[in-house]
Amino acid sequence: MRSMRIGAIAGIATLGLALTACSGGSGGSGGEGGSVEQTVFRVAFNQNIDHPQAQALLEVSDALEEATDGAYRFELFTDETLGDQAATIEQVQSGTLDFALVAGSLLENFESDFSVVNLPYLYESPEHQMEVLNDDEIMGDLYETLVDDDIQVLTAYHGGVRNVYTTDGPVETPEDLGGQKIRVIGSDTNVLMMELMGGVGTPLAQGEVYTAIQSGVLDGAENNELIYSTLSHAEIAPFYSRTQHLMMPDYLIGNPAVLERMDADARETLDELLAESVDTELGLFADAVDEAVAAAEEAGATFSEVDVEVFREAVLPIHEQRVTTDLTQSIYDAIDAARG
């Protein structure tokens, strides 16, 4: 059962790690050949088990286990059980963790050229985003730059459309953000983006945002509707303004050595299943957004539309500042050419 594969409770996390070998443990059955050595891939995720990305990965795990006669499956550690995203990237690099789902902007800390795919107002739709970010001809060279850092990108997932939410009234223009400290994910690109939007970009781990807003350290944050609702941010920052400024991808990353140890056929199966899961996650995400908006409104949130073009024009200078190499220019041009 899926519930037996979820290491989401902090109290058992240490025990779980102790009982599974560095790249898996024994168990399972192997059809005609009887029992097989089962590899259990530990996957870290900072959101809850109902999140579309978690659900997509559980489906991948079930299909992978079936296709390999029980030789491989995932164990998902949700809710930052194994640390925040920056910490889980380090664990993947060291080999103490197999895979992690992380925000795309964090990869800029290892390769600055990743900023090109994290630019505001870059994608015209979630489908456009997924088409280009999972195209090896467009992204292969950029993803390859991380291998020397012991990071390998397995797939990109849609991470929602990010908007601004605040404690003191809706945001309609960049002037409304003047002086307001808005939480962003830690990257120079995101900090600069918020500055151009009129606010003060303040990097902070996701788990600390609620308290920071509640105590007045932050005036608000920017994120998609799922995070806003699931983490109860509507309770403390009830004004959600649809700036639609960012469609930042999330990545499933792994340690290259872990992937190299996989049976070749199983690795091919995993790649195929992950590719199929991209569409699954997109559908689940769209449904989840509708549910999240309804829940946030019930909690007291007010959703408002804004003049997106005003914000788009304000942040366009960041495109020129970040597209400065042959690699970033080729990716930027390919993304533009793939528009509908």
C-alpha atoms as a PDB file:
ATOM      1  CA  MET A   1       0.000   0.000   0.000  1.00  0.00           C
ATOM      2  CA  ARG A   2       1.142   3.546  -0.671  1.00  0.00           C
ATOM      3  CA  SER A   3       0.817   4.563   2.946  1.00  0.00           C
ATOM      4  CA  MET A   4       3.600   2.154   3.809  1.00  0.00           C
ATOM      5  CA  ARG A   5       5.960   3.979   1.418  1.00  0.00           C
ATOM      6  CA  ILE A   6       5.646   7.467   2.813  1.00  0.00           C
ATOM      7  CA  GLY A   7       8.334   8.536   5.284  1.00  0.00           C
ATOM      8  CA  ALA A   8       6.604  11.796   6.152  1.00  0.00           C
ATOM      9  CA  ILE A   9       6.606  11.621   9.927  1.00  0.00           C
ATOM     10  CA  ALA A  10       9.617  13.270  11.515  1.00  0.00           C
ATOM     11  CA  GLY A  11       9.633  10.903  14.456  1.00  0.00           C
ATOM     12  CA  ILE A  12      10.363   7.879  12.266  1.00  0.00           C
ATOM     13  CA  ALA A  13      12.652   9.532   9.723  1.00  0.00           C
ATOM     14  CA  THR A  14      15.870   8.514  11.443  1.00  0.00           C
ATOM     15  CA  LEU A  15      14.664   4.960  11.868  1.00  0.00           C
ATOM     16  CA  GLY A  16      13.650   4.854   8.225  1.00  0.00           C
ATOM     17  CA  LEU A  17      17.084   5.908   7.088  1.00  0.00           C
ATOM     18  CA  ALA A  18      18.721   3.403   9.353  1.00  0.00           C
ATOM     19  CA  LEU A  19      16.653   0.549   8.012  1.00  0.00           C
ATOM     20  CA  THR A  20      17.240   1.261   4.338  1.00  0.00           C
ATOM     21  CA  ALA A  21      20.650   0.843   2.803  1.00  0.00           C
ATOM     22  CA  CYS A  22      22.371   3.777   1.122  1.00  0.00           C
ATOM     23  CA  SER A  23      20.722   2.976  -2.185  1.00  0.00           C
ATOM     24  CA  GLY A  24      17.993   0.632  -1.124  1.00  0.00           C
ATOM     25  CA  GLY A  25      17.128  -2.380   0.958  1.00  0.00           C
ATOM     26  CA  SER A  26      16.156  -5.981   0.466  1.00  0.00           C
ATOM     27  CA  GLY A  27      12.624  -7.155   0.014  1.00  0.00           C
ATOM     28  CA  GLY A  28       9.923  -7.769  -2.541  1.00  0.00           C
ATOM     29  CA  SER A  29       9.326 -10.685  -4.837  1.00  0.00           C
ATOM     30  CA  GLY A  30      10.582 -11.212  -8.301  1.00  0.00           C
ATOM     31  CA  GLY A  31       7.954 -13.260 -10.102  1.00  0.00           C
ATOM     32  CA  GLU A  32       9.242 -16.571 -11.479  1.00  0.00           C
ATOM     33  CA  GLY A  33      12.677 -16.033 -10.023  1.00  0.00           C
ATOM     34  CA  GLY A  34      11.381 -15.699  -6.467  1.00  0.00           C
ATOM     35  CA  SER A  35      12.717 -13.006  -4.180  1.00  0.00           C
ATOM     36  CA  VAL A  36      14.913 -10.231  -5.541  1.00  0.00           C
ATOM     37  CA  GLU A  37      17.091  -7.580  -4.017  1.00  0.00           C
ATOM     38  CA  GLN A  38      14.900  -4.494  -3.897  1.00  0.00           C
ATOM     39  CA  THR A  39      16.317  -1.002  -4.253  1.00  0.00           C
ATOM     40  CA  VAL A  40      14.310   1.628  -2.399  1.00  0.00           C
ATOM     41  CA  PHE A  41      15.030   5.129  -3.640  1.00  0.00           C
ATOM     42  CA  ARG A  42      14.528   7.758  -0.917  1.00  0.00           C
ATOM     43  CA  VAL A  43      12.951  10.920  -2.321  1.00  0.00           C
ATOM     44  CA  ALA A  44      12.776  14.180  -0.353  1.00  0.00           C
ATOM     45  CA  PHE A  45       9.964  16.687  -0.877  1.00  0.00           C
ATOM     46  CA  ASN A  46       9.121  19.853   1.023  1.00  0.00           C
ATOM     47  CA  GLN A  47       5.334  19.730   0.502  1.00  0.00           C
ATOM     48  CA  ASN A  48       2.669  17.332   1.744  1.00  0.00           C
ATOM     49  CA  ILE A  49       1.674  13.986   0.311  1.00  0.00           C
ATOM     50  CA  ASP A  50      -1.421  15.390  -1.421  1.00  0.00           C
ATOM     51  CA  HIS A  51       0.638  17.738  -3.598  1.00  0.00           C
ATOM     52  CA  PRO A  52       0.381  16.917  -7.339  1.00  0.00           C
ATOM     53  CA  GLN A  53       4.111  16.259  -7.612  1.00  0.00           C
ATOM     54  CA  ALA A  54       4.001  13.794  -4.727  1.00  0.00           C
ATOM     55  CA  GLN A  55       1.014  12.025  -6.236  1.00  0.00           C
ATOM     56  CA  ALA A  56       2.702  11.831  -9.634  1.00  0.00           C
ATOM     57  CA  LEU A  57       5.813  10.292  -8.093  1.00  0.00           C
ATOM     58  CA  LEU A  58       3.773   7.733  -6.168  1.00  0.00           C
ATOM     59  CA  GLU A  59       2.250   6.646  -9.471  1.00  0.00           C
ATOM     60  CA  VAL A  60       5.743   6.393 -10.959  1.00  0.00           C
ATOM     61  CA  SER A  61       6.827   4.280  -7.993  1.00  0.00           C
ATOM     62  CA  ASP A  62       3.921   1.855  -8.380  1.00  0.00           C
ATOM     63  CA  ALA A  63       4.539   1.495 -12.124  1.00  0.00           C
ATOM     64  CA  LEU A  64       8.305   1.119 -11.680  1.00  0.00           C
ATOM     65  CA  GLU A  65       7.885  -1.553  -9.033  1.00  0.00           C
ATOM     66  CA  GLU A  66       5.495  -3.488 -11.248  1.00  0.00           C
ATOM     67  CA  ALA A  67       7.608  -3.133 -14.396  1.00  0.00           C
ATOM     68  CA  THR A  68      10.786  -4.312 -12.636  1.00  0.00           C
ATOM     69  CA  ASP A  69       9.151  -7.193 -10.784  1.00  0.00           C
ATOM     70  CA  GLY A  70       9.684  -5.480  -7.461  1.00  0.00           C
ATOM     71  CA  ALA A  71      13.331  -4.563  -7.981  1.00  0.00           C
ATOM     72  CA  TYR A  72      12.874  -0.782  -7.612  1.00  0.00           C
ATOM     73  CA  ARG A  73      10.480   1.594  -5.884  1.00  0.00           C
ATOM     74  CA  PHE A  74      10.397   5.020  -4.224  1.00  0.00           C
ATOM     75  CA  GLU A  75       9.982   5.987  -0.592  1.00  0.00           C
ATOM     76  CA  LEU A  76       8.736   9.548  -0.344  1.00  0.00           C
ATOM     77  CA  PHE A  77       9.757  11.750   2.605  1.00  0.00           C
ATOM     78  CA  THR A  78       7.415  14.731   2.557  1.00  0.00           C
ATOM     79  CA  ASP A  79       6.904  17.915   4.603  1.00  0.00           C
ATOM     80  CA  GLU A  80      10.638  18.762   4.852  1.00  0.00           C
ATOM     81  CA  THR A  81      11.166  15.664   6.997  1.00  0.00           C
ATOM     82  CA  LEU A  82      14.753  15.433   5.725  1.00  0.00           C
ATOM     83  CA  GLY A  83      15.376  19.183   5.748  1.00  0.00           C
ATOM     84  CA  ASP A  84      14.614  22.150   3.532  1.00  0.00           C
ATOM     85  CA  GLN A  85      15.315  22.017  -0.188  1.00  0.00           C
ATOM     86  CA  ALA A  86      18.839  23.424   0.066  1.00  0.00           C
ATOM     87  CA  ALA A  87      19.701  20.762   2.635  1.00  0.00           C
ATOM     88  CA  THR A  88      18.291  17.941   0.515  1.00  0.00           C
ATOM     89  CA  ILE A  89      20.340  19.070  -2.489  1.00  0.00           C
ATOM     90  CA  GLU A  90      23.455  18.686  -0.338  1.00  0.00           C
ATOM     91  CA  GLN A  91      22.304  15.224   0.722  1.00  0.00           C
ATOM     92  CA  VAL A  92      21.835  14.204  -2.889  1.00  0.00           C
ATOM     93  CA  GLN A  93      25.333  15.445  -3.683  1.00  0.00           C
ATOM     94  CA  SER A  94      26.853  13.490  -0.815  1.00  0.00           C
ATOM     95  CA  GLY A  95      24.961  10.335  -1.746  1.00  0.00           C
ATOM     96  CA  THR A  96      23.098  10.082   1.567  1.00  0.00           C
ATOM     97  CA  LEU A  97      19.854  10.764  -0.308  1.00  0.00           C
ATOM     98  CA  ASP A  98      18.883   9.354  -3.692  1.00  0.00           C
ATOM     99  CA  PHE A  99      16.489  11.930  -5.124  1.00  0.00           C
ATOM    100  CA  ALA A 100      14.933  15.273  -4.179  1.00  0.00           C
ATOM    101  CA  LEU A 101      12.299  17.593  -5.620  1.00  0.00           C
ATOM    102  CA  VAL A 102      13.676  21.125  -5.572  1.00  0.00           C
ATOM    103  CA  ALA A 103      12.833  24.583  -6.882  1.00  0.00           C
ATOM    104  CA  GLY A 104      14.586  25.489 -10.112  1.00  0.00           C
ATOM    105  CA  SER A 105      16.018  28.726  -8.763  1.00  0.00           C
ATOM    106  CA  LEU A 106      18.152  26.845  -6.222  1.00  0.00           C
ATOM    107  CA  LEU A 107      20.142  25.293  -9.052  1.00  0.00           C
ATOM    108  CA  GLU A 108      21.422  28.761  -9.951  1.00  0.00           C
ATOM    109  CA  ASN A 109      23.676  28.430  -6.915  1.00  0.00           C
ATOM    110  CA  PHE A 110      25.560  25.677  -8.759  1.00  0.00           C
ATOM    111  CA  GLU A 111      25.315  26.975 -12.323  1.00  0.00           C
ATOM    112  CA  SER A 112      24.416  30.619 -12.895  1.00  0.00           C
ATOM    113  CA  ASP A 113      23.112  29.872 -16.398  1.00  0.00           C
ATOM    114  CA  PHE A 114      20.059  28.232 -14.799  1.00  0.00           C
ATOM    115  CA  SER A 115      18.734  31.748 -14.303  1.00  0.00           C
ATOM    116  CA  VAL A 116      17.609  31.726 -17.941  1.00  0.00           C
ATOM    117  CA  VAL A 117      14.771  29.265 -17.219  1.00  0.00           C
ATOM    118  CA  ASN A 118      13.731  31.047 -14.016  1.00  0.00           C
ATOM    119  CA  LEU A 119      13.054  34.423 -15.598  1.00  0.00           C
ATOM    120  CA  PRO A 120       9.759  36.200 -14.902  1.00  0.00           C
ATOM    121  CA  TYR A 121       7.130  36.206 -17.644  1.00  0.00           C
ATOM    122  CA  LEU A 122       9.112  33.679 -19.703  1.00  0.00           C
ATOM    123  CA  TYR A 123       6.474  31.019 -20.456  1.00  0.00           C
ATOM    124  CA  GLU A 124       3.080  31.528 -22.035  1.00  0.00           C
ATOM    125  CA  SER A 125       1.475  28.494 -20.376  1.00  0.00           C
ATOM    126  CA  PRO A 126       2.294  25.489 -18.178  1.00  0.00           C
ATOM    127  CA  GLU A 127       2.218  23.293 -21.288  1.00  0.00           C
ATOM    128  CA  HIS A 128       4.752  25.534 -23.029  1.00  0.00           C
ATOM    129  CA  GLN A 129       6.972  25.410 -19.966  1.00  0.00           C
ATOM    130  CA  MET A 130       6.952  21.625 -19.735  1.00  0.00           C
ATOM    131  CA  GLU A 131       7.468  21.180 -23.463  1.00  0.00           C
ATOM    132  CA  VAL A 132      10.728  23.130 -23.500  1.00  0.00           C
ATOM    133  CA  LEU A 133      12.147  22.127 -20.112  1.00  0.00           C
ATOM    134  CA  ASN A 134      11.801  18.421 -20.865  1.00  0.00           C
ATOM    135  CA  ASP A 135      13.278  18.724 -24.356  1.00  0.00           C
ATOM    136  CA  ASP A 136      16.819  17.347 -24.229  1.00  0.00           C
ATOM    137  CA  GLU A 137      17.811  19.196 -27.386  1.00  0.00           C
ATOM    138  CA  ILE A 138      17.014  22.506 -25.686  1.00  0.00           C
ATOM    139  CA  MET A 139      18.042  21.755 -22.103  1.00  0.00           C
ATOM    140  CA  GLY A 140      20.547  18.903 -22.307  1.00  0.00           C
ATOM    141  CA  ASP A 141      23.705  21.026 -22.241  1.00  0.00           C
ATOM    142  CA  LEU A 142      22.474  23.070 -19.279  1.00  0.00           C
ATOM    143  CA  TYR A 143      21.465  20.016 -17.278  1.00  0.00           C
ATOM    144  CA  GLU A 144      24.839  18.434 -18.037  1.00  0.00           C
ATOM    145  CA  THR A 145      26.631  21.311 -16.270  1.00  0.00           C
ATOM    146  CA  LEU A 146      25.425  19.974 -12.913  1.00  0.00           C
ATOM    147  CA  VAL A 147      26.861  16.474 -13.215  1.00  0.00           C
ATOM    148  CA  ASP A 148      30.280  17.528 -11.927  1.00  0.00           C
ATOM    149  CA  ASP A 149      28.449  18.795  -8.829  1.00  0.00           C
ATOM    150  CA  ASP A 150      26.965  15.313  -8.355  1.00  0.00           C
ATOM    151  CA  ILE A 151      23.513  16.490  -9.415  1.00  0.00           C
ATOM    152  CA  GLN A 152      21.542  15.039 -12.302  1.00  0.00           C
ATOM    153  CA  VAL A 153      18.189  16.383 -13.478  1.00  0.00           C
ATOM    154  CA  LEU A 154      15.724  13.563 -14.146  1.00  0.00           C
ATOM    155  CA  THR A 155      12.687  15.621 -15.076  1.00  0.00           C
ATOM    156  CA  ALA A 156      11.120  19.058 -14.768  1.00  0.00           C
ATOM    157  CA  TYR A 157       7.677  19.536 -13.246  1.00  0.00           C
ATOM    158  CA  HIS A 158       5.309  22.478 -13.359  1.00  0.00           C
ATOM    159  CA  GLY A 159       5.553  24.357 -10.077  1.00  0.00           C
ATOM    160  CA  GLY A 160       2.539  26.605 -10.513  1.00  0.00           C
ATOM    161  CA  VAL A 161       2.101  30.251 -11.415  1.00  0.00           C
ATOM    162  CA  ARG A 162       3.473  32.494  -8.703  1.00  0.00           C
ATOM    163  CA  ASN A 163       1.660  35.597  -7.476  1.00  0.00           C
ATOM    164  CA  VAL A 164       2.152  38.113  -4.677  1.00  0.00           C
ATOM    165  CA  TYR A 165       0.204  37.993  -1.404  1.00  0.00           C
ATOM    166  CA  THR A 166       0.391  40.558   1.373  1.00  0.00           C
ATOM    167  CA  THR A 167      -0.958  41.530   4.760  1.00  0.00           C
ATOM    168  CA  ASP A 168      -2.058  45.087   4.018  1.00  0.00           C
ATOM    169  CA  GLY A 169      -4.264  45.423   0.967  1.00  0.00           C
ATOM    170  CA  PRO A 170      -4.034  44.160  -2.622  1.00  0.00           C
ATOM    171  CA  VAL A 171      -1.102  44.900  -4.922  1.00  0.00           C
ATOM    172  CA  GLU A 172      -2.172  46.586  -8.153  1.00  0.00           C
ATOM    173  CA  THR A 173       1.017  48.365  -9.271  1.00  0.00           C
ATOM    174  CA  PRO A 174       4.757  48.174  -8.497  1.00  0.00           C
ATOM    175  CA  GLU A 175       4.294  51.263  -6.327  1.00  0.00           C
ATOM    176  CA  ASP A 176       2.028  49.254  -4.025  1.00  0.00           C
ATOM    177  CA  LEU A 177       4.976  46.986  -3.222  1.00  0.00           C
ATOM    178  CA  GLY A 178       7.233  49.881  -2.302  1.00  0.00           C
ATOM    179  CA  GLY A 179       9.206  49.070   0.863  1.00  0.00           C
ATOM    180  CA  GLN A 180       7.385  45.804   1.475  1.00  0.00           C
ATOM    181  CA  LYS A 181       9.526  42.816   2.416  1.00  0.00           C
ATOM    182  CA  ILE A 182       8.363  39.899   0.278  1.00  0.00           C
ATOM    183  CA  ARG A 183       9.694  36.395   0.732  1.00  0.00           C
ATOM    184  CA  VAL A 184      11.344  34.889  -2.352  1.00  0.00           C
ATOM    185  CA  ILE A 185      13.272  31.689  -2.920  1.00  0.00           C
ATOM    186  CA  GLY A 186      16.967  32.240  -2.401  1.00  0.00           C
ATOM    187  CA  SER A 187      18.575  33.263  -5.677  1.00  0.00           C
ATOM    188  CA  ASP A 188      20.000  36.508  -7.013  1.00  0.00           C
ATOM    189  CA  THR A 189      17.524  36.399  -9.885  1.00  0.00           C
ATOM    190  CA  ASN A 190      14.517  36.222  -7.571  1.00  0.00           C
ATOM    191  CA  VAL A 191      15.797  38.987  -5.318  1.00  0.00           C
ATOM    192  CA  LEU A 192      16.379  41.245  -8.322  1.00  0.00           C
ATOM    193  CA  MET A 193      12.987  40.346  -9.771  1.00  0.00           C
ATOM    194  CA  MET A 194      11.191  41.462  -6.627  1.00  0.00           C
ATOM    195  CA  GLU A 195      13.219  44.657  -6.526  1.00  0.00           C
ATOM    196  CA  LEU A 196      12.122  45.472 -10.086  1.00  0.00           C
ATOM    197  CA  MET A 197       8.534  44.671  -9.123  1.00  0.00           C
ATOM    198  CA  GLY A 198       8.787  47.340  -6.435  1.00  0.00           C
ATOM    199  CA  GLY A 199       9.342  45.266  -3.292  1.00  0.00           C
ATOM    200  CA  VAL A 200      12.246  44.067  -1.198  1.00  0.00           C
ATOM    201  CA  GLY A 201      13.079  40.440  -2.023  1.00  0.00           C
ATOM    202  CA  THR A 202      13.805  38.524   1.178  1.00  0.00           C
ATOM    203  CA  PRO A 203      15.042  34.914   0.845  1.00  0.00           C
ATOM    204  CA  LEU A 204      13.767  32.557   3.531  1.00  0.00           C
ATOM    205  CA  ALA A 205      13.150  28.821   3.912  1.00  0.00           C
ATOM    206  CA  GLN A 206       9.526  27.899   3.233  1.00  0.00           C
ATOM    207  CA  GLY A 207       9.003  26.484   6.705  1.00  0.00           C
ATOM    208  CA  GLU A 208       9.796  29.858   8.305  1.00  0.00           C
ATOM    209  CA  VAL A 209       7.503  32.029   6.191  1.00  0.00           C
ATOM    210  CA  TYR A 210       4.296  31.725   8.218  1.00  0.00           C
ATOM    211  CA  THR A 211       5.920  32.870  11.447  1.00  0.00           C
ATOM    212  CA  ALA A 212       7.843  35.635   9.693  1.00  0.00           C
ATOM    213  CA  ILE A 213       4.671  37.111   8.199  1.00  0.00           C
ATOM    214  CA  GLN A 214       2.720  36.633  11.401  1.00  0.00           C
ATOM    215  CA  SER A 215       5.373  38.461  13.436  1.00  0.00           C
ATOM    216  CA  GLY A 216       5.767  41.297  10.925  1.00  0.00           C
ATOM    217  CA  VAL A 217       9.276  40.377   9.830  1.00  0.00           C
ATOM    218  CA  LEU A 218       7.803  39.942   6.346  1.00  0.00           C
ATOM    219  CA  ASP A 219       4.979  41.868   4.732  1.00  0.00           C
ATOM    220  CA  GLY A 220       4.086  39.006   2.451  1.00  0.00           C
ATOM    221  CA  ALA A 221       5.380  36.407   0.028  1.00  0.00           C
ATOM    222  CA  GLU A 222       5.007  35.188  -3.535  1.00  0.00           C
ATOM    223  CA  ASN A 223       3.941  31.698  -4.454  1.00  0.00           C
ATOM    224  CA  ASN A 224       1.290  29.636  -6.180  1.00  0.00           C
ATOM    225  CA  GLU A 225      -2.218  29.045  -4.890  1.00  0.00           C
ATOM    226  CA  LEU A 226      -1.433  25.567  -3.583  1.00  0.00           C
ATOM    227  CA  ILE A 227       1.302  26.720  -1.234  1.00  0.00           C
ATOM    228  CA  TYR A 228      -0.738  29.752  -0.208  1.00  0.00           C
ATOM    229  CA  SER A 229      -3.675  27.613   0.843  1.00  0.00           C
ATOM    230  CA  THR A 230      -1.943  24.456   2.077  1.00  0.00           C
ATOM    231  CA  LEU A 231       0.428  26.332   4.401  1.00  0.00           C
ATOM    232  CA  SER A 232      -2.435  28.502   5.724  1.00  0.00           C
ATOM    233  CA  HIS A 233      -0.821  31.717   4.545  1.00  0.00           C
ATOM    234  CA  ALA A 234      -4.317  33.028   3.754  1.00  0.00           C
ATOM    235  CA  GLU A 235      -4.819  33.381   7.500  1.00  0.00           C
ATOM    236  CA  ILE A 236      -2.030  35.939   7.870  1.00  0.00           C
ATOM    237  CA  ALA A 237      -1.727  37.514   4.396  1.00  0.00           C
ATOM    238  CA  PRO A 238      -5.282  37.570   3.016  1.00  0.00           C
ATOM    239  CA  PHE A 239      -4.660  39.699  -0.085  1.00  0.00           C
ATOM    240  CA  TYR A 240      -3.657  37.528  -3.047  1.00  0.00           C
ATOM    241  CA  SER A 241      -2.875  39.569  -6.167  1.00  0.00           C
ATOM    242  CA  ARG A 242      -2.522  37.763  -9.491  1.00  0.00           C
ATOM    243  CA  THR A 243       0.699  39.310 -10.738  1.00  0.00           C
ATOM    244  CA  GLN A 244       1.448  36.011 -12.539  1.00  0.00           C
ATOM    245  CA  HIS A 245       5.087  37.044 -12.531  1.00  0.00           C
ATOM    246  CA  LEU A 246       6.781  33.695 -12.419  1.00  0.00           C
ATOM    247  CA  MET A 247       6.275  30.153 -13.611  1.00  0.00           C
ATOM    248  CA  MET A 248       9.288  28.567 -11.993  1.00  0.00           C
ATOM    249  CA  PRO A 249       9.942  24.866 -12.594  1.00  0.00           C
ATOM    250  CA  ASP A 250      10.610  22.247  -9.964  1.00  0.00           C
ATOM    251  CA  TYR A 251      13.107  19.499 -10.700  1.00  0.00           C
ATOM    252  CA  LEU A 252      13.474  15.907  -9.624  1.00  0.00           C
ATOM    253  CA  ILE A 253      17.226  15.582  -9.140  1.00  0.00           C
ATOM    254  CA  GLY A 254      19.358  12.575  -8.286  1.00  0.00           C
ATOM    255  CA  ASN A 255      22.935  11.607  -7.641  1.00  0.00           C
ATOM    256  CA  PRO A 256      24.545  10.414 -10.914  1.00  0.00           C
ATOM    257  CA  ALA A 257      26.234   7.518  -9.118  1.00  0.00           C
ATOM    258  CA  VAL A 258      22.871   6.232  -7.904  1.00  0.00           C
ATOM    259  CA  LEU A 259      21.488   6.282 -11.431  1.00  0.00           C
ATOM    260  CA  GLU A 260      24.576   4.603 -12.871  1.00  0.00           C
ATOM    261  CA  ARG A 261      24.043   1.651 -10.527  1.00  0.00           C
ATOM    262  CA  MET A 262      20.584   0.988 -11.950  1.00  0.00           C
ATOM    263  CA  ASP A 263      20.007  -1.877 -14.348  1.00  0.00           C
ATOM    264  CA  ALA A 264      19.987  -0.406 -17.875  1.00  0.00           C
ATOM    265  CA  ASP A 265      16.482  -1.622 -18.686  1.00  0.00           C
ATOM    266  CA  ALA A 266      15.144  -0.357 -15.367  1.00  0.00           C
ATOM    267  CA  ARG A 267      16.742   3.036 -15.953  1.00  0.00           C
ATOM    268  CA  GLU A 268      15.083   3.266 -19.353  1.00  0.00           C
ATOM    269  CA  THR A 269      11.758   2.339 -17.771  1.00  0.00           C
ATOM    270  CA  LEU A 270      12.226   4.990 -15.094  1.00  0.00           C
ATOM    271  CA  ASP A 271      12.939   7.663 -17.706  1.00  0.00           C
ATOM    272  CA  GLU A 272       9.828   6.689 -19.659  1.00  0.00           C
ATOM    273  CA  LEU A 273       7.631   6.733 -16.558  1.00  0.00           C
ATOM    274  CA  LEU A 274       8.940  10.116 -15.473  1.00  0.00           C
ATOM    275  CA  ALA A 275       8.279  11.534 -18.930  1.00  0.00           C
ATOM    276  CA  GLU A 276       4.693  10.280 -18.755  1.00  0.00           C
ATOM    277  CA  SER A 277       4.279  11.696 -15.253  1.00  0.00           C
ATOM    278  CA  VAL A 278       4.795  15.264 -16.508  1.00  0.00           C
ATOM    279  CA  ASP A 279       1.325  15.335 -18.080  1.00  0.00           C
ATOM    280  CA  THR A 280      -0.134  13.584 -15.050  1.00  0.00           C
ATOM    281  CA  GLU A 281       1.276  16.253 -12.761  1.00  0.00           C
ATOM    282  CA  LEU A 282      -0.016  19.071 -14.991  1.00  0.00           C
ATOM    283  CA  GLY A 283      -3.560  17.741 -14.785  1.00  0.00           C
ATOM    284  CA  LEU A 284      -3.393  17.180 -11.053  1.00  0.00           C
ATOM    285  CA  PHE A 285      -1.966  20.653 -10.530  1.00  0.00           C
ATOM    286  CA  ALA A 286      -4.793  22.362 -12.414  1.00  0.00           C
ATOM    287  CA  ASP A 287      -7.397  20.546 -10.326  1.00  0.00           C
ATOM    288  CA  ALA A 288      -5.532  21.296  -7.113  1.00  0.00           C
ATOM    289  CA  VAL A 289      -5.392  25.026  -7.883  1.00  0.00           C
ATOM    290  CA  ASP A 290      -9.187  25.192  -8.130  1.00  0.00           C
ATOM    291  CA  GLU A 291      -9.521  23.442  -4.779  1.00  0.00           C
ATOM    292  CA  ALA A 292      -6.862  25.635  -3.173  1.00  0.00           C
ATOM    293  CA  VAL A 293      -8.527  28.877  -4.256  1.00  0.00           C
ATOM    294  CA  ALA A 294     -11.860  27.742  -2.826  1.00  0.00           C
ATOM    295  CA  ALA A 295     -10.230  26.750   0.470  1.00  0.00           C
ATOM    296  CA  ALA A 296      -8.297  30.021   0.736  1.00  0.00           C
ATOM    297  CA  GLU A 297     -11.412  32.081   0.064  1.00  0.00           C
ATOM    298  CA  GLU A 298     -13.212  30.167   2.792  1.00  0.00           C
ATOM    299  CA  ALA A 299     -10.311  31.052   5.118  1.00  0.00           C
ATOM    300  CA  GLY A 300     -10.799  34.740   4.355  1.00  0.00           C
ATOM    301  CA  ALA A 301      -8.566  35.388   1.358  1.00  0.00           C
ATOM    302  CA  THR A 302      -9.404  37.892  -1.357  1.00  0.00           C
ATOM    303  CA  PHE A 303      -8.133  37.182  -4.883  1.00  0.00           C
ATOM    304  CA  SER A 304      -7.702  40.182  -7.176  1.00  0.00           C
ATOM    305  CA  GLU A 305      -6.609  40.702 -10.770  1.00  0.00           C
ATOM    306  CA  VAL A 306      -3.877  43.200 -11.672  1.00  0.00           C
ATOM    307  CA  ASP A 307      -2.524  44.858 -14.796  1.00  0.00           C
ATOM    308  CA  VAL A 308       0.031  42.188 -15.600  1.00  0.00           C
ATOM    309  CA  GLU A 309       1.603  44.241 -18.386  1.00  0.00           C
ATOM    310  CA  VAL A 310       2.754  46.903 -15.909  1.00  0.00           C
ATOM    311  CA  PHE A 311       4.711  44.295 -13.960  1.00  0.00           C
ATOM    312  CA  ARG A 312       5.949  42.584 -17.109  1.00  0.00           C
ATOM    313  CA  GLU A 313       7.462  45.821 -18.383  1.00  0.00           C
ATOM    314  CA  ALA A 314       9.007  46.503 -14.984  1.00  0.00           C
ATOM    315  CA  VAL A 315      10.945  43.230 -14.903  1.00  0.00           C
ATOM    316  CA  LEU A 316      11.977  42.916 -18.555  1.00  0.00           C
ATOM    317  CA  PRO A 317      15.460  44.386 -17.866  1.00  0.00           C
ATOM    318  CA  ILE A 318      16.280  41.214 -15.944  1.00  0.00           C
ATOM    319  CA  HIS A 319      16.030  39.216 -19.174  1.00  0.00           C
ATOM    320  CA  GLU A 320      18.899  41.166 -20.733  1.00  0.00           C
ATOM    321  CA  GLN A 321      20.919  40.967 -17.531  1.00  0.00           C
ATOM    322  CA  ARG A 322      20.633  37.180 -17.256  1.00  0.00           C
ATOM    323  CA  VAL A 323      20.868  36.142 -20.916  1.00  0.00           C
ATOM    324  CA  THR A 324      24.579  36.794 -21.357  1.00  0.00           C
ATOM    325  CA  THR A 325      26.188  33.575 -22.639  1.00  0.00           C
ATOM    326  CA  ASP A 326      25.878  31.540 -25.805  1.00  0.00           C
ATOM    327  CA  LEU A 327      24.162  28.768 -23.838  1.00  0.00           C
ATOM    328  CA  THR A 328      21.587  31.012 -22.177  1.00  0.00           C
ATOM    329  CA  GLN A 329      20.891  32.802 -25.473  1.00  0.00           C
ATOM    330  CA  SER A 330      20.282  29.534 -27.314  1.00  0.00           C
ATOM    331  CA  ILE A 331      17.897  28.331 -24.593  1.00  0.00           C
ATOM    332  CA  TYR A 332      16.111  31.679 -24.431  1.00  0.00           C
ATOM    333  CA  ASP A 333      15.652  31.715 -28.213  1.00  0.00           C
ATOM    334  CA  ALA A 334      14.399  28.109 -28.235  1.00  0.00           C
ATOM    335  CA  ILE A 335      11.837  28.880 -25.509  1.00  0.00           C
ATOM    336  CA  ASP A 336      10.648  31.900 -27.468  1.00  0.00           C
ATOM    337  CA  ALA A 337      10.421  29.889 -30.709  1.00  0.00           C
ATOM    338  CA  ALA A 338       8.270  27.242 -28.994  1.00  0.00           C
ATOM    339  CA  ARG A 339       5.481  29.670 -28.193  1.00  0.00           C
ATOM    340  CA  GLY A 340       2.100  28.698 -29.597  1.00  0.00           C
END
